[in-house]
Structures are given as structure tokens and as C-alpha cells.
């Protein structure tokens, strides 16, 4: 099976998340499903002036190690975001937005497509309104790329292949 950095939709989504997090001053941006399974992350650690696929591939290898160290903090943050959902927004398919702008963990979460969450976290307090505006414009692209990703565990046993007529 191909690694994530060999999947074109994943690479495009990664770049979009890096652009979004850098645009709002977030520490990281991720896309996960409601069960907490990580699908893609931003975690830009390279200088913006470093162009080229070779540099990006090096940055991706470095960020995977960084991400491993942050997974437990990410899990705690995600649990906190889910607990902060407004009443009634914990039902399957419910659309929600959570902004923890003045309390730790500093995070902004936006659900989409019924089962996915875009989560940005910050190193300190932030103003949620510019973040919401940036997310509103970025979310259609993020959603389109997310639904193009292959399932993390590969095709399910119930998956069926159909030919187009």
C-alpha cells in the first residue's frame, strides 16, 4: 500500500492544511474523523521560501516524527473539543463548530461532511472570527480532498466495485 505522501489527494490536502494554519497563525491543522482517526495533518516545519518536491518530502518525514510526539496531546485536545460541542450537536451527522479561544487547549474545530472534523490548535489565545472566515473559504477544498482519500484501513470487506456505464 502506498504511503500517505505518495497519494496525490493527501499531498494536496496536506499543502492546503499548511496554508490554512500558516494563514491563521495556528500551530497545526488536522483532519480526522469523529472517532479520532487522523486522516491528514499540516505541521509545517519548513521555511516558506523552500520550494520543491525534494524539500517537501524531507519536511514530511520530519513532521511525521513531530506528529508522533504530539499524538497524545492531540487525543486529549480532540476529546476536549468533542465535550465542548453545543447540546444536541453530539448526534451522528450533526454539524458543529467549537472555538476554545480563551482556554486551554486553544483550538478551533469545524465538522464537515457528517463524519469529519477540521481541527486547528494554537499556542495561546486567538481571535476566532478571522479563523472562521478563513475556514469558511477553505472548507470546500478541504472537504473535496478529504473524501478523495482512500480509507486508512484499505477497502472494506463490504466494498463493491461497479463499472460505469
N, C-alpha and C. Protein backbone atom coordinates (compact mmCIF):
# COMPACT_ATOMS: atom_id res chain seq x y z
N UNK A 1 0.84 -1.17 0.00
CA UNK A 1 0.00 0.00 0.00
C UNK A 1 0.89 1.25 0.00
N UNK A 2 0.48 2.26 -0.73
CA UNK A 2 1.26 3.49 -0.84
C UNK A 2 1.25 4.23 0.49
N UNK A 3 2.38 4.90 0.77
CA UNK A 3 2.41 5.73 1.97
C UNK A 3 1.62 7.00 1.69
N UNK A 4 1.23 7.68 2.75
CA UNK A 4 0.38 8.87 2.61
C UNK A 4 1.00 9.92 1.71
N UNK A 5 2.34 10.09 1.79
CA UNK A 5 2.95 11.13 0.98
C UNK A 5 3.10 10.75 -0.49
N UNK A 6 2.58 9.57 -0.88
CA UNK A 6 2.55 9.17 -2.29
C UNK A 6 1.15 9.27 -2.87
N UNK A 7 0.18 9.69 -2.08
CA UNK A 7 -1.20 9.80 -2.53
C UNK A 7 -1.46 11.26 -2.89
N UNK A 8 -1.74 11.55 -4.17
CA UNK A 8 -1.90 12.95 -4.60
C UNK A 8 -2.92 13.74 -3.79
N UNK A 9 -4.06 13.16 -3.48
CA UNK A 9 -5.08 13.89 -2.70
C UNK A 9 -4.56 14.21 -1.30
N UNK A 10 -3.79 13.28 -0.70
CA UNK A 10 -3.24 13.53 0.63
C UNK A 10 -2.24 14.68 0.58
N UNK A 11 -1.36 14.68 -0.43
CA UNK A 11 -0.38 15.75 -0.56
C UNK A 11 -1.06 17.10 -0.76
N UNK A 12 -2.09 17.14 -1.60
CA UNK A 12 -2.82 18.40 -1.82
C UNK A 12 -3.51 18.85 -0.54
N UNK A 13 -4.10 17.91 0.18
CA UNK A 13 -4.76 18.25 1.45
C UNK A 13 -3.73 18.73 2.46
N UNK A 14 -2.59 18.05 2.54
CA UNK A 14 -1.52 18.47 3.44
C UNK A 14 -1.11 19.92 3.14
N UNK A 15 -0.89 20.22 1.87
CA UNK A 15 -0.49 21.59 1.49
C UNK A 15 -1.57 22.60 1.87
N UNK A 16 -2.82 22.22 1.68
CA UNK A 16 -3.94 23.13 2.00
C UNK A 16 -4.00 23.37 3.50
N UNK A 17 -3.78 22.33 4.30
CA UNK A 17 -3.78 22.48 5.75
C UNK A 17 -2.62 23.35 6.22
N UNK A 18 -1.43 23.18 5.62
CA UNK A 18 -0.28 24.01 5.96
C UNK A 18 -0.59 25.47 5.63
N UNK A 19 -1.17 25.70 4.47
CA UNK A 19 -1.53 27.07 4.07
C UNK A 19 -2.54 27.68 5.04
N UNK A 20 -3.54 26.90 5.42
CA UNK A 20 -4.56 27.39 6.35
C UNK A 20 -3.96 27.70 7.71
N UNK A 21 -3.18 26.77 8.26
CA UNK A 21 -2.62 27.00 9.60
C UNK A 21 -1.66 28.18 9.58
N UNK A 22 -0.86 28.30 8.54
CA UNK A 22 0.05 29.44 8.46
C UNK A 22 -0.72 30.74 8.30
N UNK A 23 -1.85 30.70 7.58
CA UNK A 23 -2.66 31.89 7.35
C UNK A 23 -3.37 32.41 8.59
N UNK A 24 -3.64 31.53 9.54
CA UNK A 24 -4.33 31.96 10.77
C UNK A 24 -3.42 31.94 11.99
N UNK A 25 -2.17 31.55 11.82
CA UNK A 25 -1.22 31.53 12.94
C UNK A 25 -1.39 30.35 13.86
N UNK A 26 -1.95 29.25 13.35
CA UNK A 26 -2.14 28.04 14.17
C UNK A 26 -0.84 27.26 14.24
N UNK A 27 -0.71 26.44 15.29
CA UNK A 27 0.43 25.55 15.45
C UNK A 27 0.32 24.37 14.51
N UNK A 28 -0.90 23.89 14.30
CA UNK A 28 -1.13 22.76 13.42
C UNK A 28 -2.57 22.75 12.97
N UNK A 29 -2.83 22.03 11.89
CA UNK A 29 -4.17 21.80 11.39
C UNK A 29 -4.25 20.33 11.01
N UNK A 30 -5.32 19.69 11.39
CA UNK A 30 -5.50 18.28 11.03
C UNK A 30 -6.92 18.05 10.54
N UNK A 31 -7.10 16.95 9.85
CA UNK A 31 -8.42 16.44 9.51
C UNK A 31 -8.49 15.04 10.09
N UNK A 32 -9.54 14.79 10.86
CA UNK A 32 -9.75 13.46 11.42
C UNK A 32 -11.24 13.13 11.31
N UNK A 33 -11.57 11.88 11.60
CA UNK A 33 -12.99 11.55 11.63
C UNK A 33 -13.46 11.63 13.08
N UNK A 34 -14.76 11.48 13.29
CA UNK A 34 -15.32 11.65 14.63
C UNK A 34 -14.83 10.61 15.63
N UNK A 35 -14.29 9.51 15.15
CA UNK A 35 -13.73 8.52 16.07
C UNK A 35 -12.31 8.90 16.49
N UNK A 36 -11.76 9.95 15.88
CA UNK A 36 -10.42 10.39 16.23
C UNK A 36 -9.33 9.85 15.33
N UNK A 37 -9.70 9.13 14.27
CA UNK A 37 -8.69 8.61 13.34
C UNK A 37 -8.13 9.76 12.51
N UNK A 38 -6.84 9.94 12.57
CA UNK A 38 -6.16 11.01 11.85
C UNK A 38 -6.09 10.67 10.36
N UNK A 39 -6.55 11.60 9.52
CA UNK A 39 -6.51 11.39 8.08
C UNK A 39 -5.40 12.19 7.41
N UNK A 40 -5.18 13.42 7.89
CA UNK A 40 -4.16 14.27 7.30
C UNK A 40 -3.80 15.37 8.29
N UNK A 41 -2.59 15.90 8.18
CA UNK A 41 -2.13 16.94 9.09
C UNK A 41 -1.32 17.97 8.32
N UNK A 42 -1.19 19.15 8.92
CA UNK A 42 -0.39 20.22 8.32
C UNK A 42 1.02 20.18 8.84
N UNK A 43 1.24 20.64 10.09
CA UNK A 43 2.54 20.62 10.76
C UNK A 43 3.69 21.13 9.90
N UNK A 44 3.57 22.32 9.38
CA UNK A 44 4.64 22.90 8.57
C UNK A 44 5.84 23.20 9.45
N UNK A 45 6.99 22.69 9.10
CA UNK A 45 8.21 22.95 9.85
C UNK A 45 9.30 23.49 8.92
N UNK A 46 8.96 23.80 7.68
CA UNK A 46 9.98 24.27 6.75
C UNK A 46 9.78 25.75 6.46
N UNK A 47 10.84 26.38 6.04
CA UNK A 47 10.76 27.80 5.69
C UNK A 47 9.91 27.94 4.44
N UNK A 48 9.04 28.96 4.38
CA UNK A 48 8.17 29.12 3.22
C UNK A 48 8.93 29.34 1.92
N UNK A 49 10.18 29.75 1.98
CA UNK A 49 10.94 30.01 0.76
C UNK A 49 11.58 28.75 0.18
N UNK A 50 11.39 27.58 0.81
CA UNK A 50 11.99 26.33 0.33
C UNK A 50 11.06 25.64 -0.65
N UNK A 51 11.22 25.86 -1.96
CA UNK A 51 10.35 25.20 -2.92
C UNK A 51 10.87 23.81 -3.27
N UNK A 52 10.03 23.04 -3.93
CA UNK A 52 10.49 21.78 -4.50
C UNK A 52 9.99 20.56 -3.78
N UNK A 53 9.78 19.53 -4.55
CA UNK A 53 9.26 18.28 -4.01
C UNK A 53 10.25 17.59 -3.09
N UNK A 54 11.55 17.69 -3.39
CA UNK A 54 12.54 17.03 -2.54
C UNK A 54 12.53 17.63 -1.14
N UNK A 55 12.44 18.95 -1.05
CA UNK A 55 12.39 19.61 0.24
C UNK A 55 11.10 19.24 0.96
N UNK A 56 9.99 19.18 0.20
CA UNK A 56 8.71 18.82 0.82
C UNK A 56 8.76 17.39 1.35
N UNK A 57 9.36 16.48 0.62
CA UNK A 57 9.45 15.10 1.08
C UNK A 57 10.25 15.03 2.38
N UNK A 58 11.36 15.79 2.47
CA UNK A 58 12.13 15.85 3.70
C UNK A 58 11.30 16.41 4.84
N UNK A 59 10.54 17.46 4.55
CA UNK A 59 9.69 18.08 5.57
C UNK A 59 8.63 17.09 6.06
N UNK A 60 8.08 16.30 5.16
CA UNK A 60 7.05 15.33 5.54
C UNK A 60 7.64 14.28 6.47
N UNK A 61 8.85 13.79 6.18
CA UNK A 61 9.47 12.80 7.07
C UNK A 61 9.70 13.40 8.45
N UNK A 62 10.16 14.64 8.50
CA UNK A 62 10.39 15.30 9.78
C UNK A 62 9.10 15.52 10.54
N UNK A 63 8.04 15.88 9.87
CA UNK A 63 6.79 16.17 10.54
C UNK A 63 6.15 14.90 11.08
N UNK A 64 6.37 13.76 10.46
CA UNK A 64 5.81 12.51 10.98
C UNK A 64 6.38 12.21 12.36
N UNK A 65 7.66 12.45 12.55
CA UNK A 65 8.27 12.24 13.86
C UNK A 65 7.70 13.24 14.87
N UNK A 66 7.55 14.49 14.45
CA UNK A 66 6.95 15.51 15.32
C UNK A 66 5.53 15.11 15.70
N UNK A 67 4.80 14.62 14.72
CA UNK A 67 3.40 14.26 14.96
C UNK A 67 3.29 13.11 15.96
N UNK A 68 4.18 12.13 15.87
CA UNK A 68 4.15 11.02 16.81
C UNK A 68 4.26 11.51 18.26
N UNK A 69 5.12 12.50 18.46
CA UNK A 69 5.30 13.06 19.80
C UNK A 69 4.06 13.81 20.27
N UNK A 70 3.28 14.34 19.35
CA UNK A 70 2.13 15.15 19.70
C UNK A 70 0.80 14.38 19.74
N UNK A 71 0.82 13.09 19.43
CA UNK A 71 -0.43 12.34 19.31
C UNK A 71 -1.22 12.27 20.62
N UNK A 72 -0.56 12.11 21.75
CA UNK A 72 -1.32 12.03 23.00
C UNK A 72 -1.96 13.37 23.32
N UNK A 73 -1.24 14.46 23.10
CA UNK A 73 -1.82 15.80 23.31
C UNK A 73 -2.97 16.03 22.34
N UNK A 74 -2.82 15.56 21.11
CA UNK A 74 -3.87 15.69 20.12
C UNK A 74 -5.12 14.94 20.54
N UNK A 75 -4.95 13.74 21.06
CA UNK A 75 -6.08 12.94 21.51
C UNK A 75 -6.84 13.64 22.64
N UNK A 76 -6.10 14.17 23.61
CA UNK A 76 -6.72 14.90 24.71
C UNK A 76 -7.46 16.14 24.21
N UNK A 77 -6.85 16.86 23.27
CA UNK A 77 -7.48 18.05 22.71
C UNK A 77 -8.76 17.69 21.96
N UNK A 78 -8.69 16.63 21.18
CA UNK A 78 -9.87 16.22 20.41
C UNK A 78 -11.01 15.83 21.36
N UNK A 79 -10.69 15.10 22.42
CA UNK A 79 -11.71 14.75 23.42
C UNK A 79 -12.32 16.00 24.04
N UNK A 80 -11.48 16.98 24.35
CA UNK A 80 -11.97 18.24 24.93
C UNK A 80 -12.88 18.98 23.96
N UNK A 81 -12.52 19.01 22.69
CA UNK A 81 -13.35 19.65 21.67
C UNK A 81 -14.70 18.95 21.56
N UNK A 82 -14.69 17.62 21.55
CA UNK A 82 -15.96 16.88 21.44
C UNK A 82 -16.85 17.14 22.66
N UNK A 83 -16.25 17.25 23.85
CA UNK A 83 -17.04 17.55 25.05
C UNK A 83 -17.61 18.97 25.01
N UNK A 84 -16.96 19.88 24.29
CA UNK A 84 -17.38 21.28 24.23
C UNK A 84 -18.45 21.55 23.17
N UNK A 85 -18.85 20.51 22.42
CA UNK A 85 -19.89 20.72 21.41
C UNK A 85 -21.16 21.22 22.06
N UNK A 86 -21.89 22.10 21.37
CA UNK A 86 -23.17 22.57 21.91
C UNK A 86 -24.15 21.41 22.11
N UNK A 87 -25.10 21.55 23.04
CA UNK A 87 -26.10 20.50 23.26
C UNK A 87 -26.81 20.12 21.96
N UNK A 88 -26.99 18.82 21.77
CA UNK A 88 -27.67 18.32 20.58
C UNK A 88 -26.77 18.13 19.37
N UNK A 89 -25.55 18.65 19.44
CA UNK A 89 -24.62 18.53 18.31
C UNK A 89 -23.74 17.29 18.41
N UNK A 90 -24.05 16.41 19.36
CA UNK A 90 -23.29 15.18 19.50
C UNK A 90 -23.94 14.01 18.79
N UNK A 91 -25.03 14.28 18.08
CA UNK A 91 -25.70 13.22 17.32
C UNK A 91 -24.97 12.98 16.00
N UNK A 92 -25.01 11.75 15.49
CA UNK A 92 -24.32 11.44 14.23
C UNK A 92 -24.77 12.38 13.11
N UNK A 93 -23.82 12.92 12.38
CA UNK A 93 -24.10 13.79 11.26
C UNK A 93 -24.36 15.25 11.62
N UNK A 94 -24.40 15.57 12.91
CA UNK A 94 -24.66 16.95 13.33
C UNK A 94 -23.46 17.84 12.99
N UNK A 95 -23.76 19.01 12.47
CA UNK A 95 -22.74 19.99 12.13
C UNK A 95 -22.40 20.81 13.37
N UNK A 96 -21.11 21.00 13.68
CA UNK A 96 -20.76 21.79 14.86
C UNK A 96 -19.49 22.60 14.62
N UNK A 97 -19.38 23.66 15.39
CA UNK A 97 -18.18 24.49 15.45
C UNK A 97 -17.85 24.68 16.92
N UNK A 98 -16.60 24.51 17.28
CA UNK A 98 -16.15 24.73 18.65
C UNK A 98 -14.93 25.64 18.59
N UNK A 99 -14.99 26.74 19.35
CA UNK A 99 -13.85 27.65 19.46
C UNK A 99 -13.44 27.74 20.92
N UNK A 100 -12.28 27.23 21.23
CA UNK A 100 -11.71 27.34 22.58
C UNK A 100 -10.61 28.39 22.49
N UNK A 101 -11.03 29.65 22.36
CA UNK A 101 -10.11 30.75 22.07
C UNK A 101 -9.43 31.32 23.30
N UNK A 102 -10.06 31.17 24.47
CA UNK A 102 -9.53 31.79 25.68
C UNK A 102 -9.15 30.80 26.76
N UNK A 103 -9.20 29.50 26.44
CA UNK A 103 -8.88 28.48 27.44
C UNK A 103 -8.12 27.34 26.78
N UNK A 104 -7.30 26.68 27.57
CA UNK A 104 -6.53 25.55 27.04
C UNK A 104 -7.42 24.33 26.90
N UNK A 105 -7.23 23.51 25.92
CA UNK A 105 -6.31 23.69 24.81
C UNK A 105 -6.89 24.71 23.83
N UNK A 106 -6.09 25.61 23.35
CA UNK A 106 -6.54 26.63 22.42
C UNK A 106 -6.77 25.96 21.06
N UNK A 107 -8.03 25.86 20.68
CA UNK A 107 -8.35 25.11 19.47
C UNK A 107 -9.60 25.66 18.79
N UNK A 108 -9.69 25.37 17.51
CA UNK A 108 -10.87 25.70 16.73
C UNK A 108 -11.20 24.45 15.92
N UNK A 109 -12.44 24.00 16.01
CA UNK A 109 -12.85 22.79 15.29
C UNK A 109 -14.10 23.07 14.48
N UNK A 110 -14.13 22.52 13.28
CA UNK A 110 -15.28 22.65 12.40
C UNK A 110 -15.57 21.27 11.81
N UNK A 111 -16.79 20.78 12.02
CA UNK A 111 -17.15 19.49 11.43
C UNK A 111 -17.58 19.71 9.98
N UNK A 112 -17.48 18.65 9.20
CA UNK A 112 -17.94 18.72 7.80
C UNK A 112 -18.22 17.32 7.29
N UNK A 113 -19.04 17.26 6.27
CA UNK A 113 -19.39 16.00 5.60
C UNK A 113 -19.94 14.95 6.56
N UNK A 114 -20.49 15.37 7.68
CA UNK A 114 -21.15 14.45 8.60
C UNK A 114 -20.26 13.63 9.49
N UNK A 115 -19.01 13.38 9.09
CA UNK A 115 -18.15 12.48 9.87
C UNK A 115 -16.73 12.99 10.08
N UNK A 116 -16.39 14.14 9.51
CA UNK A 116 -15.01 14.63 9.59
C UNK A 116 -14.95 15.91 10.42
N UNK A 117 -13.75 16.17 10.96
CA UNK A 117 -13.51 17.38 11.75
C UNK A 117 -12.20 18.00 11.29
N UNK A 118 -12.26 19.29 11.01
CA UNK A 118 -11.05 20.08 10.78
C UNK A 118 -10.71 20.71 12.12
N UNK A 119 -9.51 20.44 12.62
CA UNK A 119 -9.10 20.91 13.94
C UNK A 119 -7.80 21.70 13.82
N UNK A 120 -7.84 22.94 14.30
CA UNK A 120 -6.65 23.77 14.35
C UNK A 120 -6.34 24.03 15.80
N UNK A 121 -5.06 23.95 16.17
CA UNK A 121 -4.73 24.32 17.53
C UNK A 121 -3.67 25.41 17.51
N UNK A 122 -3.70 26.18 18.61
CA UNK A 122 -2.91 27.39 18.73
C UNK A 122 -2.07 27.32 20.00
N UNK A 123 -0.99 28.07 20.03
CA UNK A 123 -0.11 28.06 21.19
C UNK A 123 -0.62 28.96 22.31
N UNK A 124 -1.61 29.78 22.03
CA UNK A 124 -2.17 30.68 23.04
C UNK A 124 -3.52 31.20 22.58
N UNK A 125 -4.08 32.15 23.32
CA UNK A 125 -5.38 32.70 22.94
C UNK A 125 -5.36 33.27 21.52
N UNK A 126 -6.51 33.20 20.86
CA UNK A 126 -6.63 33.69 19.49
C UNK A 126 -8.02 34.28 19.30
N UNK A 127 -8.19 35.04 18.23
CA UNK A 127 -9.49 35.62 17.88
C UNK A 127 -10.17 34.69 16.89
N UNK A 128 -11.34 34.14 17.24
CA UNK A 128 -11.95 33.13 16.38
C UNK A 128 -12.55 33.65 15.07
N UNK A 129 -12.92 34.93 15.00
CA UNK A 129 -13.61 35.41 13.80
C UNK A 129 -12.78 35.33 12.52
N UNK A 130 -11.50 35.76 12.53
CA UNK A 130 -10.70 35.60 11.31
C UNK A 130 -10.46 34.13 10.97
N UNK A 131 -10.35 33.30 11.99
CA UNK A 131 -10.16 31.86 11.76
C UNK A 131 -11.40 31.29 11.07
N UNK A 132 -12.58 31.65 11.57
CA UNK A 132 -13.83 31.16 10.97
C UNK A 132 -13.95 31.60 9.51
N UNK A 133 -13.55 32.83 9.21
CA UNK A 133 -13.63 33.33 7.84
C UNK A 133 -12.70 32.54 6.92
N UNK A 134 -11.48 32.29 7.38
CA UNK A 134 -10.52 31.52 6.56
C UNK A 134 -11.01 30.09 6.35
N UNK A 135 -11.56 29.50 7.40
CA UNK A 135 -12.05 28.13 7.29
C UNK A 135 -13.23 28.07 6.32
N UNK A 136 -14.11 29.03 6.41
CA UNK A 136 -15.29 29.06 5.52
C UNK A 136 -14.86 29.04 4.06
N UNK A 137 -13.80 29.78 3.72
CA UNK A 137 -13.36 29.79 2.33
C UNK A 137 -12.53 28.55 1.97
N UNK A 138 -11.85 27.95 2.94
CA UNK A 138 -11.00 26.79 2.66
C UNK A 138 -11.75 25.46 2.72
N UNK A 139 -12.85 25.41 3.45
CA UNK A 139 -13.52 24.14 3.73
C UNK A 139 -14.00 23.39 2.48
N UNK A 140 -14.55 24.04 1.46
CA UNK A 140 -14.96 23.25 0.28
C UNK A 140 -13.81 22.44 -0.34
N UNK A 141 -12.64 23.05 -0.44
CA UNK A 141 -11.48 22.33 -0.98
C UNK A 141 -11.04 21.23 -0.04
N UNK A 142 -10.99 21.52 1.25
CA UNK A 142 -10.58 20.52 2.24
C UNK A 142 -11.55 19.34 2.22
N UNK A 143 -12.84 19.62 2.14
CA UNK A 143 -13.83 18.54 2.09
C UNK A 143 -13.66 17.69 0.83
N UNK A 144 -13.51 18.34 -0.32
CA UNK A 144 -13.35 17.60 -1.57
C UNK A 144 -12.12 16.70 -1.54
N UNK A 145 -11.01 17.20 -1.01
CA UNK A 145 -9.79 16.39 -0.93
C UNK A 145 -9.92 15.27 0.10
N UNK A 146 -10.60 15.54 1.21
CA UNK A 146 -10.77 14.52 2.25
C UNK A 146 -11.56 13.34 1.73
N UNK A 147 -12.64 13.60 1.03
CA UNK A 147 -13.46 12.48 0.54
C UNK A 147 -12.78 11.72 -0.59
N UNK A 148 -11.72 12.29 -1.15
CA UNK A 148 -10.95 11.58 -2.18
C UNK A 148 -9.92 10.63 -1.58
N UNK A 149 -9.64 10.76 -0.28
CA UNK A 149 -8.63 9.90 0.35
C UNK A 149 -9.12 8.47 0.43
N UNK A 150 -8.21 7.52 0.22
CA UNK A 150 -8.60 6.12 0.43
C UNK A 150 -8.81 5.87 1.92
N UNK A 151 -9.67 4.90 2.27
CA UNK A 151 -9.84 4.59 3.69
C UNK A 151 -8.50 4.19 4.30
N UNK A 152 -8.21 4.61 5.54
CA UNK A 152 -6.92 4.28 6.16
C UNK A 152 -6.65 2.79 6.26
N UNK A 153 -7.70 2.00 6.42
CA UNK A 153 -7.52 0.55 6.57
C UNK A 153 -7.67 -0.18 5.24
N UNK A 154 -7.80 0.55 4.13
CA UNK A 154 -7.97 -0.06 2.82
C UNK A 154 -9.44 -0.35 2.56
N UNK A 155 -9.75 -0.96 1.42
CA UNK A 155 -11.14 -1.25 1.11
C UNK A 155 -11.76 -2.19 2.15
N UNK A 156 -13.02 -1.94 2.48
CA UNK A 156 -13.69 -2.80 3.45
C UNK A 156 -14.18 -4.07 2.76
N UNK A 157 -14.50 -5.07 3.58
CA UNK A 157 -14.99 -6.34 3.02
C UNK A 157 -16.30 -6.15 2.28
N UNK A 158 -17.08 -5.19 2.70
CA UNK A 158 -18.36 -4.94 2.06
C UNK A 158 -18.26 -4.06 0.83
N UNK A 159 -17.05 -3.57 0.51
CA UNK A 159 -16.90 -2.68 -0.63
C UNK A 159 -17.16 -3.45 -1.92
N UNK A 160 -17.80 -2.78 -2.83
CA UNK A 160 -18.14 -3.42 -4.09
C UNK A 160 -17.68 -2.51 -5.23
N UNK A 161 -17.11 -3.08 -6.22
CA UNK A 161 -16.65 -2.32 -7.37
C UNK A 161 -17.72 -2.37 -8.45
N UNK A 162 -18.06 -1.20 -9.00
CA UNK A 162 -19.08 -1.15 -10.05
C UNK A 162 -18.48 -0.45 -11.26
N UNK A 163 -18.81 -0.95 -12.43
CA UNK A 163 -18.36 -0.32 -13.65
C UNK A 163 -19.31 0.80 -14.03
N UNK A 164 -18.76 1.89 -14.52
CA UNK A 164 -19.59 2.98 -15.01
C UNK A 164 -20.13 2.60 -16.37
N UNK A 165 -21.39 2.91 -16.63
CA UNK A 165 -21.99 2.60 -17.95
C UNK A 165 -21.77 3.70 -18.92
